[in-house]
Amino acid sequence: MDKLIASKLGWLWLIIGLLVINLAASVFHSRIDLTKEKRYTLSSATGTLLNGLTEPVEIDVFLKGEFPAGFRKLANSTQEFLQLLKDRNGSNIHYRFISPQENVPGTNTSYGDSLVNMGAVPINLTVQLEAGQSSNIIFPVALMRYKGKQTLVNLYPGASGRISQEEINSAEALMEYQFAKTLDNLNRNKKHIIGYAVGNGEPVDTRAWDINEVLRKDYDLRLFNLQTFPVIPDSMGILMIVKPVTQFSEQEKLKIDQFLMRGGKLLCFIDNLIAEQDSLSFKPETIAYDRNLNLTDM
């Protein structure tokens, strides 16, 4: 009789324990990341960004429909990543998957047409179905809305209908960066300022214009003359030095050093040798000379 009572009590405690574990799991979502690339682990910077949200973030992902295996994998990876964000800040992260062929509620305009008007570049895929082939327009993008602003998140680096496994892997690896960068841009009241150093022969022609075209969506690029300005301002978070050709003075180097000591960041694209491509166009070999930029002690 005692054994029967003990057995019943054991089963009762087991059931209670399972109920407690199930309740705790429903409240505290967590997962153990055993992947080599730490796919299910957010960086500390992304975590800080999520913790600082003051309003809901709405994310529409336009990867819903009949896709080849590569884009199905990308859609699943996107869903897993967004769920990871929601587990971190469930009250402020809201996402859904939408077919671009659906109409925007209350209009006769499809989501696909709206995305094109916003600058999204669709991919024309030929999908093999049981009844034959079908052409499908895919928008591998997401639309993120926060604080009354919205912008697109590019989820796939490719531009053609030929799906590359390398590009899919690259898209998955860059997913956290793409979403975090977009959210950070929406959260900022103004763009970060990047200084483009001039005064030492840096290019200011169409090559510099190309740099501005690439950066202007997310950053405010400004020319900064190291020779005439007494200090590099703290409002300029990053200073770029692109292919200088004349020597830096000790005073210029001191300005750069003080800027770095105050927490500024420096991006250098230096060509130490004089060996231009146009020289090689005249003869197959040339002698390379050191530019002597006076930067080796920095």
C-alpha atoms as a PDB file:
ATOM      1  CA  MET A   1       0.000   0.000   0.000  1.00  0.00           C
ATOM      2  CA  ASP A   2       2.824   2.397   0.920  1.00  0.00           C
ATOM      3  CA  LYS A   3       4.543   1.625  -2.411  1.00  0.00           C
ATOM      4  CA  LEU A   4       1.323   2.435  -4.270  1.00  0.00           C
ATOM      5  CA  ILE A   5       0.967   5.780  -2.474  1.00  0.00           C
ATOM      6  CA  ALA A   6       4.649   6.629  -3.113  1.00  0.00           C
ATOM      7  CA  SER A   7       4.219   5.745  -6.777  1.00  0.00           C
ATOM      8  CA  LYS A   8       1.167   7.996  -7.107  1.00  0.00           C
ATOM      9  CA  LEU A   9       2.967  10.854  -5.336  1.00  0.00           C
ATOM     10  CA  GLY A  10       5.940  10.405  -7.670  1.00  0.00           C
ATOM     11  CA  TRP A  11       3.735  10.713 -10.735  1.00  0.00           C
ATOM     12  CA  LEU A  12       2.017  13.750  -9.207  1.00  0.00           C
ATOM     13  CA  TRP A  13       5.337  15.530  -8.606  1.00  0.00           C
ATOM     14  CA  LEU A  14       6.477  14.619 -12.110  1.00  0.00           C
ATOM     15  CA  ILE A  15       3.333  16.159 -13.639  1.00  0.00           C
ATOM     16  CA  ILE A  16       3.720  19.299 -11.513  1.00  0.00           C
ATOM     17  CA  GLY A  17       7.366  19.583 -12.556  1.00  0.00           C
ATOM     18  CA  LEU A  18       6.495  19.296 -16.238  1.00  0.00           C
ATOM     19  CA  LEU A  19       3.798  21.935 -15.862  1.00  0.00           C
ATOM     20  CA  VAL A  20       6.269  24.322 -14.177  1.00  0.00           C
ATOM     21  CA  ILE A  21       8.857  23.764 -16.927  1.00  0.00           C
ATOM     22  CA  ASN A  22       6.255  24.299 -19.642  1.00  0.00           C
ATOM     23  CA  LEU A  23       5.035  27.513 -17.976  1.00  0.00           C
ATOM     24  CA  ALA A  24       8.580  28.828 -17.619  1.00  0.00           C
ATOM     25  CA  ALA A  25       9.336  28.010 -21.255  1.00  0.00           C
ATOM     26  CA  SER A  26       6.255  29.928 -22.385  1.00  0.00           C
ATOM     27  CA  VAL A  27       7.378  33.012 -20.473  1.00  0.00           C
ATOM     28  CA  PHE A  28      11.150  32.925 -20.939  1.00  0.00           C
ATOM     29  CA  HIS A  29      12.112  32.165 -24.534  1.00  0.00           C
ATOM     30  CA  SER A  30      15.686  31.054 -25.031  1.00  0.00           C
ATOM     31  CA  ARG A  31      17.699  28.802 -27.273  1.00  0.00           C
ATOM     32  CA  ILE A  32      21.167  27.303 -27.158  1.00  0.00           C
ATOM     33  CA  ASP A  33      23.236  28.355 -30.170  1.00  0.00           C
ATOM     34  CA  LEU A  34      25.361  25.410 -31.303  1.00  0.00           C
ATOM     35  CA  THR A  35      26.008  26.739 -34.816  1.00  0.00           C
ATOM     36  CA  LYS A  36      29.629  27.489 -35.759  1.00  0.00           C
ATOM     37  CA  GLU A  37      28.780  30.938 -37.156  1.00  0.00           C
ATOM     38  CA  LYS A  38      26.585  31.789 -34.082  1.00  0.00           C
ATOM     39  CA  ARG A  39      23.552  32.354 -36.294  1.00  0.00           C
ATOM     40  CA  TYR A  40      21.170  32.479 -33.327  1.00  0.00           C
ATOM     41  CA  THR A  41      23.256  34.842 -31.206  1.00  0.00           C
ATOM     42  CA  LEU A  42      22.761  38.590 -31.520  1.00  0.00           C
ATOM     43  CA  SER A  43      25.725  40.915 -31.239  1.00  0.00           C
ATOM     44  CA  SER A  44      25.966  43.218 -28.228  1.00  0.00           C
ATOM     45  CA  ALA A  45      25.437  46.255 -30.493  1.00  0.00           C
ATOM     46  CA  THR A  46      22.167  44.832 -31.842  1.00  0.00           C
ATOM     47  CA  GLY A  47      21.073  43.942 -28.331  1.00  0.00           C
ATOM     48  CA  THR A  48      21.705  47.505 -27.168  1.00  0.00           C
ATOM     49  CA  LEU A  49      19.745  48.819 -30.152  1.00  0.00           C
ATOM     50  CA  LEU A  50      16.766  46.588 -29.333  1.00  0.00           C
ATOM     51  CA  ASN A  51      16.818  47.510 -25.654  1.00  0.00           C
ATOM     52  CA  GLY A  52      16.643  51.185 -26.583  1.00  0.00           C
ATOM     53  CA  LEU A  53      13.445  50.907 -28.649  1.00  0.00           C
ATOM     54  CA  THR A  54      10.731  53.270 -27.452  1.00  0.00           C
ATOM     55  CA  GLU A  55       8.056  52.472 -30.049  1.00  0.00           C
ATOM     56  CA  PRO A  56       6.934  49.386 -31.978  1.00  0.00           C
ATOM     57  CA  VAL A  57       8.934  48.346 -35.048  1.00  0.00           C
ATOM     58  CA  GLU A  58       6.840  46.927 -37.887  1.00  0.00           C
ATOM     59  CA  ILE A  59       8.562  44.756 -40.489  1.00  0.00           C
ATOM     60  CA  ASP A  60       6.921  43.476 -43.672  1.00  0.00           C
ATOM     61  CA  VAL A  61       8.900  40.771 -45.476  1.00  0.00           C
ATOM     62  CA  PHE A  62       7.999  40.174 -49.122  1.00  0.00           C
ATOM     63  CA  LEU A  63       9.220  36.591 -49.368  1.00  0.00           C
ATOM     64  CA  LYS A  64       5.933  34.743 -49.580  1.00  0.00           C
ATOM     65  CA  GLY A  65       5.001  32.574 -52.540  1.00  0.00           C
ATOM     66  CA  GLU A  66       6.254  29.770 -54.774  1.00  0.00           C
ATOM     67  CA  PHE A  67      10.044  30.031 -54.646  1.00  0.00           C
ATOM     68  CA  PRO A  68      12.982  27.823 -55.608  1.00  0.00           C
ATOM     69  CA  ALA A  69      14.835  26.131 -52.768  1.00  0.00           C
ATOM     70  CA  GLY A  70      17.364  28.949 -52.405  1.00  0.00           C
ATOM     71  CA  PHE A  71      14.787  31.647 -51.720  1.00  0.00           C
ATOM     72  CA  ARG A  72      12.731  29.318 -49.520  1.00  0.00           C
ATOM     73  CA  LYS A  73      15.865  28.880 -47.425  1.00  0.00           C
ATOM     74  CA  LEU A  74      16.348  32.644 -47.322  1.00  0.00           C
ATOM     75  CA  ALA A  75      12.711  33.149 -46.274  1.00  0.00           C
ATOM     76  CA  ASN A  76      13.079  30.588 -43.478  1.00  0.00           C
ATOM     77  CA  SER A  77      16.326  32.189 -42.295  1.00  0.00           C
ATOM     78  CA  THR A  78      14.653  35.605 -42.280  1.00  0.00           C
ATOM     79  CA  GLN A  79      11.743  34.258 -40.229  1.00  0.00           C
ATOM     80  CA  GLU A  80      14.133  32.653 -37.733  1.00  0.00           C
ATOM     81  CA  PHE A  81      16.140  35.865 -37.375  1.00  0.00           C
ATOM     82  CA  LEU A  82      13.068  38.052 -36.882  1.00  0.00           C
ATOM     83  CA  GLN A  83      11.771  35.635 -34.284  1.00  0.00           C
ATOM     84  CA  LEU A  84      15.132  35.993 -32.552  1.00  0.00           C
ATOM     85  CA  LEU A  85      14.574  39.768 -32.459  1.00  0.00           C
ATOM     86  CA  LYS A  86      11.053  39.273 -31.150  1.00  0.00           C
ATOM     87  CA  ASP A  87      12.308  36.947 -28.421  1.00  0.00           C
ATOM     88  CA  ARG A  88      14.666  39.725 -27.344  1.00  0.00           C
ATOM     89  CA  ASN A  89      12.063  42.504 -27.382  1.00  0.00           C
ATOM     90  CA  GLY A  90       8.658  40.962 -27.959  1.00  0.00           C
ATOM     91  CA  SER A  91       6.633  44.055 -27.126  1.00  0.00           C
ATOM     92  CA  ASN A  92       8.210  46.218 -29.817  1.00  0.00           C
ATOM     93  CA  ILE A  93       9.039  43.820 -32.686  1.00  0.00           C
ATOM     94  CA  HIS A  94       6.209  42.900 -35.059  1.00  0.00           C
ATOM     95  CA  TYR A  95       6.696  41.187 -38.403  1.00  0.00           C
ATOM     96  CA  ARG A  96       4.690  39.492 -41.109  1.00  0.00           C
ATOM     97  CA  PHE A  97       5.292  37.891 -44.511  1.00  0.00           C
ATOM     98  CA  ILE A  98       3.398  39.294 -47.505  1.00  0.00           C
ATOM     99  CA  SER A  99       3.170  38.284 -51.154  1.00  0.00           C
ATOM    100  CA  PRO A 100       4.158  41.149 -53.484  1.00  0.00           C
ATOM    101  CA  GLN A 101       1.204  40.187 -55.692  1.00  0.00           C
ATOM    102  CA  GLU A 102      -1.294  41.136 -52.972  1.00  0.00           C
ATOM    103  CA  ASN A 103      -2.917  44.555 -53.108  1.00  0.00           C
ATOM    104  CA  VAL A 104      -2.243  47.181 -50.497  1.00  0.00           C
ATOM    105  CA  PRO A 105      -5.403  47.257 -48.316  1.00  0.00           C
ATOM    106  CA  GLY A 106      -7.929  49.814 -49.551  1.00  0.00           C
ATOM    107  CA  THR A 107      -6.217  50.300 -52.920  1.00  0.00           C
ATOM    108  CA  ASN A 108      -5.908  48.674 -56.340  1.00  0.00           C
ATOM    109  CA  THR A 109      -2.121  48.903 -56.174  1.00  0.00           C
ATOM    110  CA  SER A 110      -0.076  45.788 -55.500  1.00  0.00           C
ATOM    111  CA  TYR A 111       2.677  45.711 -52.916  1.00  0.00           C
ATOM    112  CA  GLY A 112       5.077  44.975 -55.771  1.00  0.00           C
ATOM    113  CA  ASP A 113       4.227  48.242 -57.552  1.00  0.00           C
ATOM    114  CA  SER A 114       4.618  50.156 -54.307  1.00  0.00           C
ATOM    115  CA  LEU A 115       8.030  48.564 -53.729  1.00  0.00           C
ATOM    116  CA  VAL A 116       9.207  49.545 -57.216  1.00  0.00           C
ATOM    117  CA  ASN A 117       8.152  53.139 -56.528  1.00  0.00           C
ATOM    118  CA  MET A 118      10.240  53.012 -53.352  1.00  0.00           C
ATOM    119  CA  GLY A 119      13.317  51.895 -55.286  1.00  0.00           C
ATOM    120  CA  ALA A 120      13.225  48.116 -54.815  1.00  0.00           C
ATOM    121  CA  VAL A 121      14.756  46.112 -57.680  1.00  0.00           C
ATOM    122  CA  PRO A 122      12.773  42.926 -58.425  1.00  0.00           C
ATOM    123  CA  ILE A 123      14.277  39.660 -59.637  1.00  0.00           C
ATOM    124  CA  ASN A 124      12.564  37.793 -62.477  1.00  0.00           C
ATOM    125  CA  LEU A 125      12.697  34.067 -61.733  1.00  0.00           C
ATOM    126  CA  THR A 126      11.502  31.182 -63.849  1.00  0.00           C
ATOM    127  CA  VAL A 127       9.944  28.672 -61.457  1.00  0.00           C
ATOM    128  CA  GLN A 128       9.536  25.019 -62.471  1.00  0.00           C
ATOM    129  CA  LEU A 129       6.068  23.756 -61.516  1.00  0.00           C
ATOM    130  CA  GLU A 130       4.267  20.472 -62.160  1.00  0.00           C
ATOM    131  CA  ALA A 131       2.181  22.063 -64.906  1.00  0.00           C
ATOM    132  CA  GLY A 132       5.254  23.626 -66.540  1.00  0.00           C
ATOM    133  CA  GLN A 133       7.269  26.790 -66.107  1.00  0.00           C
ATOM    134  CA  SER A 134       6.037  29.967 -64.514  1.00  0.00           C
ATOM    135  CA  SER A 135       7.685  33.390 -64.451  1.00  0.00           C
ATOM    136  CA  ASN A 136       7.706  34.898 -60.991  1.00  0.00           C
ATOM    137  CA  ILE A 137       8.755  38.381 -59.894  1.00  0.00           C
ATOM    138  CA  ILE A 138      10.478  38.239 -56.514  1.00  0.00           C
ATOM    139  CA  PHE A 139      11.223  41.128 -54.178  1.00  0.00           C
ATOM    140  CA  PRO A 140      13.892  39.932 -51.713  1.00  0.00           C
ATOM    141  CA  VAL A 141      13.370  42.941 -49.455  1.00  0.00           C
ATOM    142  CA  ALA A 142      11.674  43.912 -46.223  1.00  0.00           C
ATOM    143  CA  LEU A 143       9.966  47.182 -45.329  1.00  0.00           C
ATOM    144  CA  MET A 144      10.776  48.485 -41.857  1.00  0.00           C
ATOM    145  CA  ARG A 145       8.697  51.201 -40.128  1.00  0.00           C
ATOM    146  CA  TYR A 146       9.699  53.002 -36.945  1.00  0.00           C
ATOM    147  CA  LYS A 147       8.838  56.412 -35.457  1.00  0.00           C
ATOM    148  CA  GLY A 148       6.798  57.448 -38.463  1.00  0.00           C
ATOM    149  CA  LYS A 149       9.606  56.670 -40.911  1.00  0.00           C
ATOM    150  CA  GLN A 150      10.071  53.716 -43.222  1.00  0.00           C
ATOM    151  CA  THR A 151      12.785  52.296 -45.430  1.00  0.00           C
ATOM    152  CA  LEU A 152      13.679  49.131 -47.318  1.00  0.00           C
ATOM    153  CA  VAL A 153      15.987  46.371 -46.098  1.00  0.00           C
ATOM    154  CA  ASN A 154      17.837  44.505 -48.835  1.00  0.00           C
ATOM    155  CA  LEU A 155      17.885  40.780 -48.058  1.00  0.00           C
ATOM    156  CA  TYR A 156      19.677  39.385 -51.118  1.00  0.00           C
ATOM    157  CA  PRO A 157      22.862  40.738 -52.747  1.00  0.00           C
ATOM    158  CA  GLY A 158      22.220  39.151 -56.154  1.00  0.00           C
ATOM    159  CA  ALA A 159      20.508  40.949 -59.019  1.00  0.00           C
ATOM    160  CA  SER A 160      19.815  38.157 -61.506  1.00  0.00           C
ATOM    161  CA  GLY A 161      17.490  35.187 -61.584  1.00  0.00           C
ATOM    162  CA  ARG A 162      20.391  32.761 -61.333  1.00  0.00           C
ATOM    163  CA  ILE A 163      20.430  31.861 -57.663  1.00  0.00           C
ATOM    164  CA  SER A 164      23.890  31.350 -56.215  1.00  0.00           C
ATOM    165  CA  GLN A 165      24.353  29.330 -53.033  1.00  0.00           C
ATOM    166  CA  GLU A 166      27.255  31.621 -52.163  1.00  0.00           C
ATOM    167  CA  GLU A 167      24.959  34.640 -52.430  1.00  0.00           C
ATOM    168  CA  ILE A 168      22.318  32.940 -50.266  1.00  0.00           C
ATOM    169  CA  ASN A 169      24.971  32.161 -47.638  1.00  0.00           C
ATOM    170  CA  SER A 170      26.229  35.747 -47.847  1.00  0.00           C
ATOM    171  CA  ALA A 171      22.681  37.077 -47.422  1.00  0.00           C
ATOM    172  CA  GLU A 172      22.197  34.975 -44.293  1.00  0.00           C
ATOM    173  CA  ALA A 173      25.548  36.105 -42.865  1.00  0.00           C
ATOM    174  CA  LEU A 174      24.737  39.792 -43.477  1.00  0.00           C
ATOM    175  CA  MET A 175      21.135  39.628 -42.279  1.00  0.00           C
ATOM    176  CA  GLU A 176      21.750  40.954 -38.770  1.00  0.00           C
ATOM    177  CA  TYR A 177      23.892  43.780 -40.148  1.00  0.00           C
ATOM    178  CA  GLN A 178      21.253  44.795 -42.720  1.00  0.00           C
ATOM    179  CA  PHE A 179      18.399  44.907 -40.210  1.00  0.00           C
ATOM    180  CA  ALA A 180      20.463  46.544 -37.444  1.00  0.00           C
ATOM    181  CA  LYS A 181      21.855  49.199 -39.796  1.00  0.00           C
ATOM    182  CA  THR A 182      18.371  50.033 -41.093  1.00  0.00           C
ATOM    183  CA  LEU A 183      16.900  50.245 -37.596  1.00  0.00           C
ATOM    184  CA  ASP A 184      19.771  52.427 -36.428  1.00  0.00           C
ATOM    185  CA  ASN A 185      19.215  54.800 -39.368  1.00  0.00           C
ATOM    186  CA  LEU A 186      15.501  55.069 -38.573  1.00  0.00           C
ATOM    187  CA  ASN A 187      16.274  55.670 -34.908  1.00  0.00           C
ATOM    188  CA  ARG A 188      18.708  58.511 -35.584  1.00  0.00           C
ATOM    189  CA  ASN A 189      17.467  62.067 -35.951  1.00  0.00           C
ATOM    190  CA  LYS A 190      20.349  62.949 -38.265  1.00  0.00           C
ATOM    191  CA  LYS A 191      23.013  61.169 -40.290  1.00  0.00           C
ATOM    192  CA  HIS A 192      26.506  60.451 -39.040  1.00  0.00           C
ATOM    193  CA  ILE A 193      29.089  62.863 -40.467  1.00  0.00           C
ATOM    194  CA  ILE A 194      32.083  61.443 -42.353  1.00  0.00           C
ATOM    195  CA  GLY A 195      34.956  63.749 -43.165  1.00  0.00           C
ATOM    196  CA  TYR A 196      36.750  63.367 -46.487  1.00  0.00           C
ATOM    197  CA  ALA A 197      40.270  64.684 -45.947  1.00  0.00           C
ATOM    198  CA  VAL A 198      41.750  66.976 -48.598  1.00  0.00           C
ATOM    199  CA  GLY A 199      44.935  69.017 -48.753  1.00  0.00           C
ATOM    200  CA  ASN A 200      47.400  66.247 -49.559  1.00  0.00           C
ATOM    201  CA  GLY A 201      46.475  65.529 -53.139  1.00  0.00           C
ATOM    202  CA  GLU A 202      43.426  63.347 -52.426  1.00  0.00           C
ATOM    203  CA  PRO A 203      41.147  62.946 -55.467  1.00  0.00           C
ATOM    204  CA  VAL A 204      38.212  65.360 -55.597  1.00  0.00           C
ATOM    205  CA  ASP A 205      37.025  64.472 -59.100  1.00  0.00           C
ATOM    206  CA  THR A 206      34.405  61.924 -60.172  1.00  0.00           C
ATOM    207  CA  ARG A 207      36.014  59.285 -57.961  1.00  0.00           C
ATOM    208  CA  ALA A 208      35.155  61.301 -54.869  1.00  0.00           C
ATOM    209  CA  TRP A 209      31.677  61.873 -56.285  1.00  0.00           C
ATOM    210  CA  ASP A 210      31.221  58.093 -56.565  1.00  0.00           C
ATOM    211  CA  ILE A 211      32.079  57.741 -52.867  1.00  0.00           C
ATOM    212  CA  ASN A 212      29.485  60.368 -52.005  1.00  0.00           C
ATOM    213  CA  GLU A 213      26.840  58.617 -54.105  1.00  0.00           C
ATOM    214  CA  VAL A 214      27.437  55.345 -52.245  1.00  0.00           C
ATOM    215  CA  LEU A 215      27.448  56.875 -48.755  1.00  0.00           C
ATOM    216  CA  ARG A 216      24.892  59.667 -48.948  1.00  0.00           C
ATOM    217  CA  LYS A 217      21.907  57.420 -48.166  1.00  0.00           C
ATOM    218  CA  ASP A 218      23.227  56.660 -44.691  1.00  0.00           C
ATOM    219  CA  TYR A 219      25.919  59.287 -44.056  1.00  0.00           C
ATOM    220  CA  ASP A 220      26.664  62.984 -44.484  1.00  0.00           C
ATOM    221  CA  LEU A 221      29.981  63.202 -46.372  1.00  0.00           C
ATOM    222  CA  ARG A 222      31.851  66.496 -45.999  1.00  0.00           C
ATOM    223  CA  LEU A 223      35.187  67.728 -47.339  1.00  0.00           C
ATOM    224  CA  PHE A 224      37.679  68.541 -44.593  1.00  0.00           C
ATOM    225  CA  ASN A 225      40.965  70.327 -45.246  1.00  0.00           C
ATOM    226  CA  LEU A 226      43.572  69.091 -42.788  1.00  0.00           C
ATOM    227  CA  GLN A 227      45.866  72.027 -43.553  1.00  0.00           C
ATOM    228  CA  THR A 228      43.475  74.902 -42.904  1.00  0.00           C
ATOM    229  CA  PHE A 229      41.270  73.683 -40.019  1.00  0.00           C
ATOM    230  CA  PRO A 230      42.918  73.884 -36.572  1.00  0.00           C
ATOM    231  CA  VAL A 231      41.246  70.708 -35.207  1.00  0.00           C
ATOM    232  CA  ILE A 232      39.080  67.855 -36.414  1.00  0.00           C
ATOM    233  CA  PRO A 233      35.656  68.429 -34.755  1.00  0.00           C
ATOM    234  CA  ASP A 234      34.123  65.736 -32.567  1.00  0.00           C
ATOM    235  CA  SER A 235      30.905  65.956 -34.605  1.00  0.00           C
ATOM    236  CA  MET A 236      32.850  64.250 -37.371  1.00  0.00           C
ATOM    237  CA  GLY A 237      32.806  60.665 -36.146  1.00  0.00           C
ATOM    238  CA  ILE A 238      34.901  59.250 -39.000  1.00  0.00           C
ATOM    239  CA  LEU A 239      37.723  60.722 -41.086  1.00  0.00           C
ATOM    240  CA  MET A 240      38.578  59.197 -44.459  1.00  0.00           C
ATOM    241  CA  ILE A 241      42.008  59.588 -46.060  1.00  0.00           C
ATOM    242  CA  VAL A 242      41.823  58.388 -49.663  1.00  0.00           C
ATOM    243  CA  LYS A 243      44.958  58.034 -51.798  1.00  0.00           C
ATOM    244  CA  PRO A 244      47.011  61.065 -50.741  1.00  0.00           C
ATOM    245  CA  VAL A 245      50.013  61.873 -52.937  1.00  0.00           C
ATOM    246  CA  THR A 246      51.867  64.581 -50.971  1.00  0.00           C
ATOM    247  CA  GLN A 247      53.614  64.382 -47.610  1.00  0.00           C
ATOM    248  CA  PHE A 248      51.732  64.953 -44.358  1.00  0.00           C
ATOM    249  CA  SER A 249      53.154  67.566 -42.014  1.00  0.00           C
ATOM    250  CA  GLU A 250      53.757  66.916 -38.330  1.00  0.00           C
ATOM    251  CA  GLN A 251      50.953  69.371 -37.522  1.00  0.00           C
ATOM    252  CA  GLU A 252      48.480  67.419 -39.662  1.00  0.00           C
ATOM    253  CA  LYS A 253      49.506  64.160 -38.005  1.00  0.00           C
ATOM    254  CA  LEU A 254      49.013  65.758 -34.578  1.00  0.00           C
ATOM    255  CA  LYS A 255      45.456  66.741 -35.525  1.00  0.00           C
ATOM    256  CA  ILE A 256      44.731  63.161 -36.601  1.00  0.00           C
ATOM    257  CA  ASP A 257      46.299  61.737 -33.427  1.00  0.00           C
ATOM    258  CA  GLN A 258      44.243  64.034 -31.165  1.00  0.00           C
ATOM    259  CA  PHE A 259      41.106  63.124 -33.106  1.00  0.00           C
ATOM    260  CA  LEU A 260      41.762  59.419 -32.502  1.00  0.00           C
ATOM    261  CA  MET A 261      42.534  59.996 -28.821  1.00  0.00           C
ATOM    262  CA  ARG A 262      39.102  61.625 -28.423  1.00  0.00           C
ATOM    263  CA  GLY A 263      37.395  58.535 -29.834  1.00  0.00           C
ATOM    264  CA  GLY A 264      37.266  59.385 -33.530  1.00  0.00           C
ATOM    265  CA  LYS A 265      37.674  56.718 -36.189  1.00  0.00           C
ATOM    266  CA  LEU A 266      40.082  56.816 -39.120  1.00  0.00           C
ATOM    267  CA  LEU A 267      39.711  55.043 -42.465  1.00  0.00           C
ATOM    268  CA  CYS A 268      42.859  55.073 -44.597  1.00  0.00           C
ATOM    269  CA  PHE A 269      43.056  54.015 -48.234  1.00  0.00           C
ATOM    270  CA  ILE A 270      46.750  54.545 -48.868  1.00  0.00           C
ATOM    271  CA  ASP A 271      48.790  53.785 -51.976  1.00  0.00           C
ATOM    272  CA  ASN A 272      52.379  54.043 -50.763  1.00  0.00           C
ATOM    273  CA  LEU A 273      53.954  53.378 -54.150  1.00  0.00           C
ATOM    274  CA  ILE A 274      53.930  55.459 -57.313  1.00  0.00           C
ATOM    275  CA  ALA A 275      52.859  52.897 -59.896  1.00  0.00           C
ATOM    276  CA  GLU A 276      49.763  54.047 -61.743  1.00  0.00           C
ATOM    277  CA  GLN A 277      47.857  51.888 -64.197  1.00  0.00           C
ATOM    278  CA  ASP A 278      48.272  54.401 -67.022  1.00  0.00           C
ATOM    279  CA  SER A 279      52.048  53.882 -66.790  1.00  0.00           C
ATOM    280  CA  LEU A 280      51.579  50.174 -67.409  1.00  0.00           C
ATOM    281  CA  SER A 281      49.459  50.912 -70.471  1.00  0.00           C
ATOM    282  CA  PHE A 282      52.559  52.186 -72.302  1.00  0.00           C
ATOM    283  CA  LYS A 283      54.893  49.364 -71.319  1.00  0.00           C
ATOM    284  CA  PRO A 284      54.415  46.059 -69.470  1.00  0.00           C
ATOM    285  CA  GLU A 285      56.693  47.020 -66.574  1.00  0.00           C
ATOM    286  CA  THR A 286      57.521  50.099 -64.551  1.00  0.00           C
ATOM    287  CA  ILE A 287      59.524  51.143 -61.505  1.00  0.00           C
ATOM    288  CA  ALA A 288      57.541  51.840 -58.341  1.00  0.00           C
ATOM    289  CA  TYR A 289      58.742  54.650 -56.091  1.00  0.00           C
ATOM    290  CA  ASP A 290      57.794  55.334 -52.494  1.00  0.00           C
ATOM    291  CA  ARG A 291      55.537  58.369 -52.075  1.00  0.00           C
ATOM    292  CA  ASN A 292      57.169  59.249 -48.735  1.00  0.00           C
ATOM    293  CA  LEU A 293      53.874  60.321 -47.166  1.00  0.00           C
ATOM    294  CA  ASN A 294      55.451  60.568 -43.681  1.00  0.00           C
ATOM    295  CA  LEU A 295      52.799  58.303 -42.147  1.00  0.00           C
ATOM    296  CA  THR A 296      54.914  55.303 -41.122  1.00  0.00           C
ATOM    297  CA  ASP A 297      55.164  56.458 -37.493  1.00  0.00           C
ATOM    298  CA  MET A 298      51.410  56.678 -36.954  1.00  0.00           C
END
